[in-house]
Amino acid sequence: DSEVATDSEQLTGTPHFMAYELLR
């Protein structure tokens, strides 16, 4: 998404079903 800065990526999702890379 060109409208969203890489460093502003927000963690989204339900924690127990989120990808390991995102949580770490």
PDBML (XML) file of the C-alpha atoms, coordinates in Angstrom:
<?xml version="1.0" encoding="UTF-8" ?>
<PDBx:datablock datablockName="MODEL"
   xmlns:PDBx="http://pdbml.pdb.org/schema/pdbx-v50.xsd"
   xmlns:xsi="http://www.w3.org/2001/XMLSchema-instance"
   xsi:schemaLocation="http://pdbml.pdb.org/schema/pdbx-v50.xsd pdbx-v50.xsd">
   <PDBx:atom_siteCategory>
      <PDBx:atom_site id="1">
         <PDBx:B_iso_or_equiv>0.00</PDBx:B_iso_or_equiv>
         <PDBx:Cartn_x>0.000</PDBx:Cartn_x>
         <PDBx:Cartn_y>0.000</PDBx:Cartn_y>
         <PDBx:Cartn_z>0.000</PDBx:Cartn_z>
         <PDBx:auth_asym_id>A</PDBx:auth_asym_id>
         <PDBx:auth_atom_id>CA</PDBx:auth_atom_id>
         <PDBx:auth_comp_id>ASP</PDBx:auth_comp_id>
         <PDBx:auth_seq_id>1</PDBx:auth_seq_id>
         <PDBx:group_PDB>ATOM</PDBx:group_PDB>
         <PDBx:label_alt_id xsi:nil="true" />
         <PDBx:label_asym_id>A</PDBx:label_asym_id>
         <PDBx:label_atom_id>CA</PDBx:label_atom_id>
         <PDBx:label_comp_id>ASP</PDBx:label_comp_id>
         <PDBx:label_entity_id>1</PDBx:label_entity_id>
         <PDBx:label_seq_id>1</PDBx:label_seq_id>
         <PDBx:occupancy>1.00</PDBx:occupancy>
         <PDBx:pdbx_PDB_model_num>1</PDBx:pdbx_PDB_model_num>
         <PDBx:type_symbol>C</PDBx:type_symbol>
      </PDBx:atom_site>
      <PDBx:atom_site id="2">
         <PDBx:B_iso_or_equiv>0.00</PDBx:B_iso_or_equiv>
         <PDBx:Cartn_x>1.742</PDBx:Cartn_x>
         <PDBx:Cartn_y>3.122</PDBx:Cartn_y>
         <PDBx:Cartn_z>-1.241</PDBx:Cartn_z>
         <PDBx:auth_asym_id>A</PDBx:auth_asym_id>
         <PDBx:auth_atom_id>CA</PDBx:auth_atom_id>
         <PDBx:auth_comp_id>SER</PDBx:auth_comp_id>
         <PDBx:auth_seq_id>2</PDBx:auth_seq_id>
         <PDBx:group_PDB>ATOM</PDBx:group_PDB>
         <PDBx:label_alt_id xsi:nil="true" />
         <PDBx:label_asym_id>A</PDBx:label_asym_id>
         <PDBx:label_atom_id>CA</PDBx:label_atom_id>
         <PDBx:label_comp_id>SER</PDBx:label_comp_id>
         <PDBx:label_entity_id>1</PDBx:label_entity_id>
         <PDBx:label_seq_id>2</PDBx:label_seq_id>
         <PDBx:occupancy>1.00</PDBx:occupancy>
         <PDBx:pdbx_PDB_model_num>1</PDBx:pdbx_PDB_model_num>
         <PDBx:type_symbol>C</PDBx:type_symbol>
      </PDBx:atom_site>
      <PDBx:atom_site id="3">
         <PDBx:B_iso_or_equiv>0.00</PDBx:B_iso_or_equiv>
         <PDBx:Cartn_x>-0.467</PDBx:Cartn_x>
         <PDBx:Cartn_y>5.272</PDBx:Cartn_y>
         <PDBx:Cartn_z>1.013</PDBx:Cartn_z>
         <PDBx:auth_asym_id>A</PDBx:auth_asym_id>
         <PDBx:auth_atom_id>CA</PDBx:auth_atom_id>
         <PDBx:auth_comp_id>GLU</PDBx:auth_comp_id>
         <PDBx:auth_seq_id>3</PDBx:auth_seq_id>
         <PDBx:group_PDB>ATOM</PDBx:group_PDB>
         <PDBx:label_alt_id xsi:nil="true" />
         <PDBx:label_asym_id>A</PDBx:label_asym_id>
         <PDBx:label_atom_id>CA</PDBx:label_atom_id>
         <PDBx:label_comp_id>GLU</PDBx:label_comp_id>
         <PDBx:label_entity_id>1</PDBx:label_entity_id>
         <PDBx:label_seq_id>3</PDBx:label_seq_id>
         <PDBx:occupancy>1.00</PDBx:occupancy>
         <PDBx:pdbx_PDB_model_num>1</PDBx:pdbx_PDB_model_num>
         <PDBx:type_symbol>C</PDBx:type_symbol>
      </PDBx:atom_site>
      <PDBx:atom_site id="4">
         <PDBx:B_iso_or_equiv>0.00</PDBx:B_iso_or_equiv>
         <PDBx:Cartn_x>0.834</PDBx:Cartn_x>
         <PDBx:Cartn_y>3.644</PDBx:Cartn_y>
         <PDBx:Cartn_z>4.211</PDBx:Cartn_z>
         <PDBx:auth_asym_id>A</PDBx:auth_asym_id>
         <PDBx:auth_atom_id>CA</PDBx:auth_atom_id>
         <PDBx:auth_comp_id>VAL</PDBx:auth_comp_id>
         <PDBx:auth_seq_id>4</PDBx:auth_seq_id>
         <PDBx:group_PDB>ATOM</PDBx:group_PDB>
         <PDBx:label_alt_id xsi:nil="true" />
         <PDBx:label_asym_id>A</PDBx:label_asym_id>
         <PDBx:label_atom_id>CA</PDBx:label_atom_id>
         <PDBx:label_comp_id>VAL</PDBx:label_comp_id>
         <PDBx:label_entity_id>1</PDBx:label_entity_id>
         <PDBx:label_seq_id>4</PDBx:label_seq_id>
         <PDBx:occupancy>1.00</PDBx:occupancy>
         <PDBx:pdbx_PDB_model_num>1</PDBx:pdbx_PDB_model_num>
         <PDBx:type_symbol>C</PDBx:type_symbol>
      </PDBx:atom_site>
      <PDBx:atom_site id="5">
         <PDBx:B_iso_or_equiv>0.00</PDBx:B_iso_or_equiv>
         <PDBx:Cartn_x>4.391</PDBx:Cartn_x>
         <PDBx:Cartn_y>4.206</PDBx:Cartn_y>
         <PDBx:Cartn_z>5.388</PDBx:Cartn_z>
         <PDBx:auth_asym_id>A</PDBx:auth_asym_id>
         <PDBx:auth_atom_id>CA</PDBx:auth_atom_id>
         <PDBx:auth_comp_id>ALA</PDBx:auth_comp_id>
         <PDBx:auth_seq_id>5</PDBx:auth_seq_id>
         <PDBx:group_PDB>ATOM</PDBx:group_PDB>
         <PDBx:label_alt_id xsi:nil="true" />
         <PDBx:label_asym_id>A</PDBx:label_asym_id>
         <PDBx:label_atom_id>CA</PDBx:label_atom_id>
         <PDBx:label_comp_id>ALA</PDBx:label_comp_id>
         <PDBx:label_entity_id>1</PDBx:label_entity_id>
         <PDBx:label_seq_id>5</PDBx:label_seq_id>
         <PDBx:occupancy>1.00</PDBx:occupancy>
         <PDBx:pdbx_PDB_model_num>1</PDBx:pdbx_PDB_model_num>
         <PDBx:type_symbol>C</PDBx:type_symbol>
      </PDBx:atom_site>
      <PDBx:atom_site id="6">
         <PDBx:B_iso_or_equiv>0.00</PDBx:B_iso_or_equiv>
         <PDBx:Cartn_x>6.324</PDBx:Cartn_x>
         <PDBx:Cartn_y>1.039</PDBx:Cartn_y>
         <PDBx:Cartn_z>6.195</PDBx:Cartn_z>
         <PDBx:auth_asym_id>A</PDBx:auth_asym_id>
         <PDBx:auth_atom_id>CA</PDBx:auth_atom_id>
         <PDBx:auth_comp_id>THR</PDBx:auth_comp_id>
         <PDBx:auth_seq_id>6</PDBx:auth_seq_id>
         <PDBx:group_PDB>ATOM</PDBx:group_PDB>
         <PDBx:label_alt_id xsi:nil="true" />
         <PDBx:label_asym_id>A</PDBx:label_asym_id>
         <PDBx:label_atom_id>CA</PDBx:label_atom_id>
         <PDBx:label_comp_id>THR</PDBx:label_comp_id>
         <PDBx:label_entity_id>1</PDBx:label_entity_id>
         <PDBx:label_seq_id>6</PDBx:label_seq_id>
         <PDBx:occupancy>1.00</PDBx:occupancy>
         <PDBx:pdbx_PDB_model_num>1</PDBx:pdbx_PDB_model_num>
         <PDBx:type_symbol>C</PDBx:type_symbol>
      </PDBx:atom_site>
      <PDBx:atom_site id="7">
         <PDBx:B_iso_or_equiv>0.00</PDBx:B_iso_or_equiv>
         <PDBx:Cartn_x>7.218</PDBx:Cartn_x>
         <PDBx:Cartn_y>2.230</PDBx:Cartn_y>
         <PDBx:Cartn_z>9.684</PDBx:Cartn_z>
         <PDBx:auth_asym_id>A</PDBx:auth_asym_id>
         <PDBx:auth_atom_id>CA</PDBx:auth_atom_id>
         <PDBx:auth_comp_id>ASP</PDBx:auth_comp_id>
         <PDBx:auth_seq_id>7</PDBx:auth_seq_id>
         <PDBx:group_PDB>ATOM</PDBx:group_PDB>
         <PDBx:label_alt_id xsi:nil="true" />
         <PDBx:label_asym_id>A</PDBx:label_asym_id>
         <PDBx:label_atom_id>CA</PDBx:label_atom_id>
         <PDBx:label_comp_id>ASP</PDBx:label_comp_id>
         <PDBx:label_entity_id>1</PDBx:label_entity_id>
         <PDBx:label_seq_id>7</PDBx:label_seq_id>
         <PDBx:occupancy>1.00</PDBx:occupancy>
         <PDBx:pdbx_PDB_model_num>1</PDBx:pdbx_PDB_model_num>
         <PDBx:type_symbol>C</PDBx:type_symbol>
      </PDBx:atom_site>
      <PDBx:atom_site id="8">
         <PDBx:B_iso_or_equiv>0.00</PDBx:B_iso_or_equiv>
         <PDBx:Cartn_x>3.553</PDBx:Cartn_x>
         <PDBx:Cartn_y>2.986</PDBx:Cartn_y>
         <PDBx:Cartn_z>10.476</PDBx:Cartn_z>
         <PDBx:auth_asym_id>A</PDBx:auth_asym_id>
         <PDBx:auth_atom_id>CA</PDBx:auth_atom_id>
         <PDBx:auth_comp_id>SER</PDBx:auth_comp_id>
         <PDBx:auth_seq_id>8</PDBx:auth_seq_id>
         <PDBx:group_PDB>ATOM</PDBx:group_PDB>
         <PDBx:label_alt_id xsi:nil="true" />
         <PDBx:label_asym_id>A</PDBx:label_asym_id>
         <PDBx:label_atom_id>CA</PDBx:label_atom_id>
         <PDBx:label_comp_id>SER</PDBx:label_comp_id>
         <PDBx:label_entity_id>1</PDBx:label_entity_id>
         <PDBx:label_seq_id>8</PDBx:label_seq_id>
         <PDBx:occupancy>1.00</PDBx:occupancy>
         <PDBx:pdbx_PDB_model_num>1</PDBx:pdbx_PDB_model_num>
         <PDBx:type_symbol>C</PDBx:type_symbol>
      </PDBx:atom_site>
      <PDBx:atom_site id="9">
         <PDBx:B_iso_or_equiv>0.00</PDBx:B_iso_or_equiv>
         <PDBx:Cartn_x>2.372</PDBx:Cartn_x>
         <PDBx:Cartn_y>-0.599</PDBx:Cartn_y>
         <PDBx:Cartn_z>9.946</PDBx:Cartn_z>
         <PDBx:auth_asym_id>A</PDBx:auth_asym_id>
         <PDBx:auth_atom_id>CA</PDBx:auth_atom_id>
         <PDBx:auth_comp_id>GLU</PDBx:auth_comp_id>
         <PDBx:auth_seq_id>9</PDBx:auth_seq_id>
         <PDBx:group_PDB>ATOM</PDBx:group_PDB>
         <PDBx:label_alt_id xsi:nil="true" />
         <PDBx:label_asym_id>A</PDBx:label_asym_id>
         <PDBx:label_atom_id>CA</PDBx:label_atom_id>
         <PDBx:label_comp_id>GLU</PDBx:label_comp_id>
         <PDBx:label_entity_id>1</PDBx:label_entity_id>
         <PDBx:label_seq_id>9</PDBx:label_seq_id>
         <PDBx:occupancy>1.00</PDBx:occupancy>
         <PDBx:pdbx_PDB_model_num>1</PDBx:pdbx_PDB_model_num>
         <PDBx:type_symbol>C</PDBx:type_symbol>
      </PDBx:atom_site>
      <PDBx:atom_site id="10">
         <PDBx:B_iso_or_equiv>0.00</PDBx:B_iso_or_equiv>
         <PDBx:Cartn_x>-0.055</PDBx:Cartn_x>
         <PDBx:Cartn_y>-1.420</PDBx:Cartn_y>
         <PDBx:Cartn_z>12.751</PDBx:Cartn_z>
         <PDBx:auth_asym_id>A</PDBx:auth_asym_id>
         <PDBx:auth_atom_id>CA</PDBx:auth_atom_id>
         <PDBx:auth_comp_id>GLN</PDBx:auth_comp_id>
         <PDBx:auth_seq_id>10</PDBx:auth_seq_id>
         <PDBx:group_PDB>ATOM</PDBx:group_PDB>
         <PDBx:label_alt_id xsi:nil="true" />
         <PDBx:label_asym_id>A</PDBx:label_asym_id>
         <PDBx:label_atom_id>CA</PDBx:label_atom_id>
         <PDBx:label_comp_id>GLN</PDBx:label_comp_id>
         <PDBx:label_entity_id>1</PDBx:label_entity_id>
         <PDBx:label_seq_id>10</PDBx:label_seq_id>
         <PDBx:occupancy>1.00</PDBx:occupancy>
         <PDBx:pdbx_PDB_model_num>1</PDBx:pdbx_PDB_model_num>
         <PDBx:type_symbol>C</PDBx:type_symbol>
      </PDBx:atom_site>
      <PDBx:atom_site id="11">
         <PDBx:B_iso_or_equiv>0.00</PDBx:B_iso_or_equiv>
         <PDBx:Cartn_x>-0.494</PDBx:Cartn_x>
         <PDBx:Cartn_y>-4.878</PDBx:Cartn_y>
         <PDBx:Cartn_z>14.193</PDBx:Cartn_z>
         <PDBx:auth_asym_id>A</PDBx:auth_asym_id>
         <PDBx:auth_atom_id>CA</PDBx:auth_atom_id>
         <PDBx:auth_comp_id>LEU</PDBx:auth_comp_id>
         <PDBx:auth_seq_id>11</PDBx:auth_seq_id>
         <PDBx:group_PDB>ATOM</PDBx:group_PDB>
         <PDBx:label_alt_id xsi:nil="true" />
         <PDBx:label_asym_id>A</PDBx:label_asym_id>
         <PDBx:label_atom_id>CA</PDBx:label_atom_id>
         <PDBx:label_comp_id>LEU</PDBx:label_comp_id>
         <PDBx:label_entity_id>1</PDBx:label_entity_id>
         <PDBx:label_seq_id>11</PDBx:label_seq_id>
         <PDBx:occupancy>1.00</PDBx:occupancy>
         <PDBx:pdbx_PDB_model_num>1</PDBx:pdbx_PDB_model_num>
         <PDBx:type_symbol>C</PDBx:type_symbol>
      </PDBx:atom_site>
      <PDBx:atom_site id="12">
         <PDBx:B_iso_or_equiv>0.00</PDBx:B_iso_or_equiv>
         <PDBx:Cartn_x>-3.965</PDBx:Cartn_x>
         <PDBx:Cartn_y>-6.175</PDBx:Cartn_y>
         <PDBx:Cartn_z>13.317</PDBx:Cartn_z>
         <PDBx:auth_asym_id>A</PDBx:auth_asym_id>
         <PDBx:auth_atom_id>CA</PDBx:auth_atom_id>
         <PDBx:auth_comp_id>THR</PDBx:auth_comp_id>
         <PDBx:auth_seq_id>12</PDBx:auth_seq_id>
         <PDBx:group_PDB>ATOM</PDBx:group_PDB>
         <PDBx:label_alt_id xsi:nil="true" />
         <PDBx:label_asym_id>A</PDBx:label_asym_id>
         <PDBx:label_atom_id>CA</PDBx:label_atom_id>
         <PDBx:label_comp_id>THR</PDBx:label_comp_id>
         <PDBx:label_entity_id>1</PDBx:label_entity_id>
         <PDBx:label_seq_id>12</PDBx:label_seq_id>
         <PDBx:occupancy>1.00</PDBx:occupancy>
         <PDBx:pdbx_PDB_model_num>1</PDBx:pdbx_PDB_model_num>
         <PDBx:type_symbol>C</PDBx:type_symbol>
      </PDBx:atom_site>
      <PDBx:atom_site id="13">
         <PDBx:B_iso_or_equiv>0.00</PDBx:B_iso_or_equiv>
         <PDBx:Cartn_x>-5.732</PDBx:Cartn_x>
         <PDBx:Cartn_y>-9.459</PDBx:Cartn_y>
         <PDBx:Cartn_z>13.840</PDBx:Cartn_z>
         <PDBx:auth_asym_id>A</PDBx:auth_asym_id>
         <PDBx:auth_atom_id>CA</PDBx:auth_atom_id>
         <PDBx:auth_comp_id>GLY</PDBx:auth_comp_id>
         <PDBx:auth_seq_id>13</PDBx:auth_seq_id>
         <PDBx:group_PDB>ATOM</PDBx:group_PDB>
         <PDBx:label_alt_id xsi:nil="true" />
         <PDBx:label_asym_id>A</PDBx:label_asym_id>
         <PDBx:label_atom_id>CA</PDBx:label_atom_id>
         <PDBx:label_comp_id>GLY</PDBx:label_comp_id>
         <PDBx:label_entity_id>1</PDBx:label_entity_id>
         <PDBx:label_seq_id>13</PDBx:label_seq_id>
         <PDBx:occupancy>1.00</PDBx:occupancy>
         <PDBx:pdbx_PDB_model_num>1</PDBx:pdbx_PDB_model_num>
         <PDBx:type_symbol>C</PDBx:type_symbol>
      </PDBx:atom_site>
      <PDBx:atom_site id="14">
         <PDBx:B_iso_or_equiv>0.00</PDBx:B_iso_or_equiv>
         <PDBx:Cartn_x>-6.840</PDBx:Cartn_x>
         <PDBx:Cartn_y>-11.825</PDBx:Cartn_y>
         <PDBx:Cartn_z>16.576</PDBx:Cartn_z>
         <PDBx:auth_asym_id>A</PDBx:auth_asym_id>
         <PDBx:auth_atom_id>CA</PDBx:auth_atom_id>
         <PDBx:auth_comp_id>THR</PDBx:auth_comp_id>
         <PDBx:auth_seq_id>14</PDBx:auth_seq_id>
         <PDBx:group_PDB>ATOM</PDBx:group_PDB>
         <PDBx:label_alt_id xsi:nil="true" />
         <PDBx:label_asym_id>A</PDBx:label_asym_id>
         <PDBx:label_atom_id>CA</PDBx:label_atom_id>
         <PDBx:label_comp_id>THR</PDBx:label_comp_id>
         <PDBx:label_entity_id>1</PDBx:label_entity_id>
         <PDBx:label_seq_id>14</PDBx:label_seq_id>
         <PDBx:occupancy>1.00</PDBx:occupancy>
         <PDBx:pdbx_PDB_model_num>1</PDBx:pdbx_PDB_model_num>
         <PDBx:type_symbol>C</PDBx:type_symbol>
      </PDBx:atom_site>
      <PDBx:atom_site id="15">
         <PDBx:B_iso_or_equiv>0.00</PDBx:B_iso_or_equiv>
         <PDBx:Cartn_x>-3.650</PDBx:Cartn_x>
         <PDBx:Cartn_y>-12.645</PDBx:Cartn_y>
         <PDBx:Cartn_z>18.555</PDBx:Cartn_z>
         <PDBx:auth_asym_id>A</PDBx:auth_asym_id>
         <PDBx:auth_atom_id>CA</PDBx:auth_atom_id>
         <PDBx:auth_comp_id>PRO</PDBx:auth_comp_id>
         <PDBx:auth_seq_id>15</PDBx:auth_seq_id>
         <PDBx:group_PDB>ATOM</PDBx:group_PDB>
         <PDBx:label_alt_id xsi:nil="true" />
         <PDBx:label_asym_id>A</PDBx:label_asym_id>
         <PDBx:label_atom_id>CA</PDBx:label_atom_id>
         <PDBx:label_comp_id>PRO</PDBx:label_comp_id>
         <PDBx:label_entity_id>1</PDBx:label_entity_id>
         <PDBx:label_seq_id>15</PDBx:label_seq_id>
         <PDBx:occupancy>1.00</PDBx:occupancy>
         <PDBx:pdbx_PDB_model_num>1</PDBx:pdbx_PDB_model_num>
         <PDBx:type_symbol>C</PDBx:type_symbol>
      </PDBx:atom_site>
      <PDBx:atom_site id="16">
         <PDBx:B_iso_or_equiv>0.00</PDBx:B_iso_or_equiv>
         <PDBx:Cartn_x>-4.084</PDBx:Cartn_x>
         <PDBx:Cartn_y>-16.421</PDBx:Cartn_y>
         <PDBx:Cartn_z>18.795</PDBx:Cartn_z>
         <PDBx:auth_asym_id>A</PDBx:auth_asym_id>
         <PDBx:auth_atom_id>CA</PDBx:auth_atom_id>
         <PDBx:auth_comp_id>HIS</PDBx:auth_comp_id>
         <PDBx:auth_seq_id>16</PDBx:auth_seq_id>
         <PDBx:group_PDB>ATOM</PDBx:group_PDB>
         <PDBx:label_alt_id xsi:nil="true" />
         <PDBx:label_asym_id>A</PDBx:label_asym_id>
         <PDBx:label_atom_id>CA</PDBx:label_atom_id>
         <PDBx:label_comp_id>HIS</PDBx:label_comp_id>
         <PDBx:label_entity_id>1</PDBx:label_entity_id>
         <PDBx:label_seq_id>16</PDBx:label_seq_id>
         <PDBx:occupancy>1.00</PDBx:occupancy>
         <PDBx:pdbx_PDB_model_num>1</PDBx:pdbx_PDB_model_num>
         <PDBx:type_symbol>C</PDBx:type_symbol>
      </PDBx:atom_site>
      <PDBx:atom_site id="17">
         <PDBx:B_iso_or_equiv>0.00</PDBx:B_iso_or_equiv>
         <PDBx:Cartn_x>-4.446</PDBx:Cartn_x>
         <PDBx:Cartn_y>-16.746</PDBx:Cartn_y>
         <PDBx:Cartn_z>15.021</PDBx:Cartn_z>
         <PDBx:auth_asym_id>A</PDBx:auth_asym_id>
         <PDBx:auth_atom_id>CA</PDBx:auth_atom_id>
         <PDBx:auth_comp_id>PHE</PDBx:auth_comp_id>
         <PDBx:auth_seq_id>17</PDBx:auth_seq_id>
         <PDBx:group_PDB>ATOM</PDBx:group_PDB>
         <PDBx:label_alt_id xsi:nil="true" />
         <PDBx:label_asym_id>A</PDBx:label_asym_id>
         <PDBx:label_atom_id>CA</PDBx:label_atom_id>
         <PDBx:label_comp_id>PHE</PDBx:label_comp_id>
         <PDBx:label_entity_id>1</PDBx:label_entity_id>
         <PDBx:label_seq_id>17</PDBx:label_seq_id>
         <PDBx:occupancy>1.00</PDBx:occupancy>
         <PDBx:pdbx_PDB_model_num>1</PDBx:pdbx_PDB_model_num>
         <PDBx:type_symbol>C</PDBx:type_symbol>
      </PDBx:atom_site>
      <PDBx:atom_site id="18">
         <PDBx:B_iso_or_equiv>0.00</PDBx:B_iso_or_equiv>
         <PDBx:Cartn_x>-1.868</PDBx:Cartn_x>
         <PDBx:Cartn_y>-14.226</PDBx:Cartn_y>
         <PDBx:Cartn_z>13.876</PDBx:Cartn_z>
         <PDBx:auth_asym_id>A</PDBx:auth_asym_id>
         <PDBx:auth_atom_id>CA</PDBx:auth_atom_id>
         <PDBx:auth_comp_id>MET</PDBx:auth_comp_id>
         <PDBx:auth_seq_id>18</PDBx:auth_seq_id>
         <PDBx:group_PDB>ATOM</PDBx:group_PDB>
         <PDBx:label_alt_id xsi:nil="true" />
         <PDBx:label_asym_id>A</PDBx:label_asym_id>
         <PDBx:label_atom_id>CA</PDBx:label_atom_id>
         <PDBx:label_comp_id>MET</PDBx:label_comp_id>
         <PDBx:label_entity_id>1</PDBx:label_entity_id>
         <PDBx:label_seq_id>18</PDBx:label_seq_id>
         <PDBx:occupancy>1.00</PDBx:occupancy>
         <PDBx:pdbx_PDB_model_num>1</PDBx:pdbx_PDB_model_num>
         <PDBx:type_symbol>C</PDBx:type_symbol>
      </PDBx:atom_site>
      <PDBx:atom_site id="19">
         <PDBx:B_iso_or_equiv>0.00</PDBx:B_iso_or_equiv>
         <PDBx:Cartn_x>1.322</PDBx:Cartn_x>
         <PDBx:Cartn_y>-15.081</PDBx:Cartn_y>
         <PDBx:Cartn_z>11.998</PDBx:Cartn_z>
         <PDBx:auth_asym_id>A</PDBx:auth_asym_id>
         <PDBx:auth_atom_id>CA</PDBx:auth_atom_id>
         <PDBx:auth_comp_id>ALA</PDBx:auth_comp_id>
         <PDBx:auth_seq_id>19</PDBx:auth_seq_id>
         <PDBx:group_PDB>ATOM</PDBx:group_PDB>
         <PDBx:label_alt_id xsi:nil="true" />
         <PDBx:label_asym_id>A</PDBx:label_asym_id>
         <PDBx:label_atom_id>CA</PDBx:label_atom_id>
         <PDBx:label_comp_id>ALA</PDBx:label_comp_id>
         <PDBx:label_entity_id>1</PDBx:label_entity_id>
         <PDBx:label_seq_id>19</PDBx:label_seq_id>
         <PDBx:occupancy>1.00</PDBx:occupancy>
         <PDBx:pdbx_PDB_model_num>1</PDBx:pdbx_PDB_model_num>
         <PDBx:type_symbol>C</PDBx:type_symbol>
      </PDBx:atom_site>
      <PDBx:atom_site id="20">
         <PDBx:B_iso_or_equiv>0.00</PDBx:B_iso_or_equiv>
         <PDBx:Cartn_x>4.410</PDBx:Cartn_x>
         <PDBx:Cartn_y>-15.617</PDBx:Cartn_y>
         <PDBx:Cartn_z>14.110</PDBx:Cartn_z>
         <PDBx:auth_asym_id>A</PDBx:auth_asym_id>
         <PDBx:auth_atom_id>CA</PDBx:auth_atom_id>
         <PDBx:auth_comp_id>TYR</PDBx:auth_comp_id>
         <PDBx:auth_seq_id>20</PDBx:auth_seq_id>
         <PDBx:group_PDB>ATOM</PDBx:group_PDB>
         <PDBx:label_alt_id xsi:nil="true" />
         <PDBx:label_asym_id>A</PDBx:label_asym_id>
         <PDBx:label_atom_id>CA</PDBx:label_atom_id>
         <PDBx:label_comp_id>TYR</PDBx:label_comp_id>
         <PDBx:label_entity_id>1</PDBx:label_entity_id>
         <PDBx:label_seq_id>20</PDBx:label_seq_id>
         <PDBx:occupancy>1.00</PDBx:occupancy>
         <PDBx:pdbx_PDB_model_num>1</PDBx:pdbx_PDB_model_num>
         <PDBx:type_symbol>C</PDBx:type_symbol>
      </PDBx:atom_site>
      <PDBx:atom_site id="21">
         <PDBx:B_iso_or_equiv>0.00</PDBx:B_iso_or_equiv>
         <PDBx:Cartn_x>6.431</PDBx:Cartn_x>
         <PDBx:Cartn_y>-13.061</PDBx:Cartn_y>
         <PDBx:Cartn_z>12.153</PDBx:Cartn_z>
         <PDBx:auth_asym_id>A</PDBx:auth_asym_id>
         <PDBx:auth_atom_id>CA</PDBx:auth_atom_id>
         <PDBx:auth_comp_id>GLU</PDBx:auth_comp_id>
         <PDBx:auth_seq_id>21</PDBx:auth_seq_id>
         <PDBx:group_PDB>ATOM</PDBx:group_PDB>
         <PDBx:label_alt_id xsi:nil="true" />
         <PDBx:label_asym_id>A</PDBx:label_asym_id>
         <PDBx:label_atom_id>CA</PDBx:label_atom_id>
         <PDBx:label_comp_id>GLU</PDBx:label_comp_id>
         <PDBx:label_entity_id>1</PDBx:label_entity_id>
         <PDBx:label_seq_id>21</PDBx:label_seq_id>
         <PDBx:occupancy>1.00</PDBx:occupancy>
         <PDBx:pdbx_PDB_model_num>1</PDBx:pdbx_PDB_model_num>
         <PDBx:type_symbol>C</PDBx:type_symbol>
      </PDBx:atom_site>
      <PDBx:atom_site id="22">
         <PDBx:B_iso_or_equiv>0.00</PDBx:B_iso_or_equiv>
         <PDBx:Cartn_x>3.854</PDBx:Cartn_x>
         <PDBx:Cartn_y>-10.358</PDBx:Cartn_y>
         <PDBx:Cartn_z>12.875</PDBx:Cartn_z>
         <PDBx:auth_asym_id>A</PDBx:auth_asym_id>
         <PDBx:auth_atom_id>CA</PDBx:auth_atom_id>
         <PDBx:auth_comp_id>LEU</PDBx:auth_comp_id>
         <PDBx:auth_seq_id>22</PDBx:auth_seq_id>
         <PDBx:group_PDB>ATOM</PDBx:group_PDB>
         <PDBx:label_alt_id xsi:nil="true" />
         <PDBx:label_asym_id>A</PDBx:label_asym_id>
         <PDBx:label_atom_id>CA</PDBx:label_atom_id>
         <PDBx:label_comp_id>LEU</PDBx:label_comp_id>
         <PDBx:label_entity_id>1</PDBx:label_entity_id>
         <PDBx:label_seq_id>22</PDBx:label_seq_id>
         <PDBx:occupancy>1.00</PDBx:occupancy>
         <PDBx:pdbx_PDB_model_num>1</PDBx:pdbx_PDB_model_num>
         <PDBx:type_symbol>C</PDBx:type_symbol>
      </PDBx:atom_site>
      <PDBx:atom_site id="23">
         <PDBx:B_iso_or_equiv>0.00</PDBx:B_iso_or_equiv>
         <PDBx:Cartn_x>3.797</PDBx:Cartn_x>
         <PDBx:Cartn_y>-11.067</PDBx:Cartn_y>
         <PDBx:Cartn_z>16.585</PDBx:Cartn_z>
         <PDBx:auth_asym_id>A</PDBx:auth_asym_id>
         <PDBx:auth_atom_id>CA</PDBx:auth_atom_id>
         <PDBx:auth_comp_id>LEU</PDBx:auth_comp_id>
         <PDBx:auth_seq_id>23</PDBx:auth_seq_id>
         <PDBx:group_PDB>ATOM</PDBx:group_PDB>
         <PDBx:label_alt_id xsi:nil="true" />
         <PDBx:label_asym_id>A</PDBx:label_asym_id>
         <PDBx:label_atom_id>CA</PDBx:label_atom_id>
         <PDBx:label_comp_id>LEU</PDBx:label_comp_id>
         <PDBx:label_entity_id>1</PDBx:label_entity_id>
         <PDBx:label_seq_id>23</PDBx:label_seq_id>
         <PDBx:occupancy>1.00</PDBx:occupancy>
         <PDBx:pdbx_PDB_model_num>1</PDBx:pdbx_PDB_model_num>
         <PDBx:type_symbol>C</PDBx:type_symbol>
      </PDBx:atom_site>
      <PDBx:atom_site id="24">
         <PDBx:B_iso_or_equiv>0.00</PDBx:B_iso_or_equiv>
         <PDBx:Cartn_x>7.581</PDBx:Cartn_x>
         <PDBx:Cartn_y>-11.096</PDBx:Cartn_y>
         <PDBx:Cartn_z>16.790</PDBx:Cartn_z>
         <PDBx:auth_asym_id>A</PDBx:auth_asym_id>
         <PDBx:auth_atom_id>CA</PDBx:auth_atom_id>
         <PDBx:auth_comp_id>ARG</PDBx:auth_comp_id>
         <PDBx:auth_seq_id>24</PDBx:auth_seq_id>
         <PDBx:group_PDB>ATOM</PDBx:group_PDB>
         <PDBx:label_alt_id xsi:nil="true" />
         <PDBx:label_asym_id>A</PDBx:label_asym_id>
         <PDBx:label_atom_id>CA</PDBx:label_atom_id>
         <PDBx:label_comp_id>ARG</PDBx:label_comp_id>
         <PDBx:label_entity_id>1</PDBx:label_entity_id>
         <PDBx:label_seq_id>24</PDBx:label_seq_id>
         <PDBx:occupancy>1.00</PDBx:occupancy>
         <PDBx:pdbx_PDB_model_num>1</PDBx:pdbx_PDB_model_num>
         <PDBx:type_symbol>C</PDBx:type_symbol>
      </PDBx:atom_site>
   </PDBx:atom_siteCategory>
</PDBx:datablock>
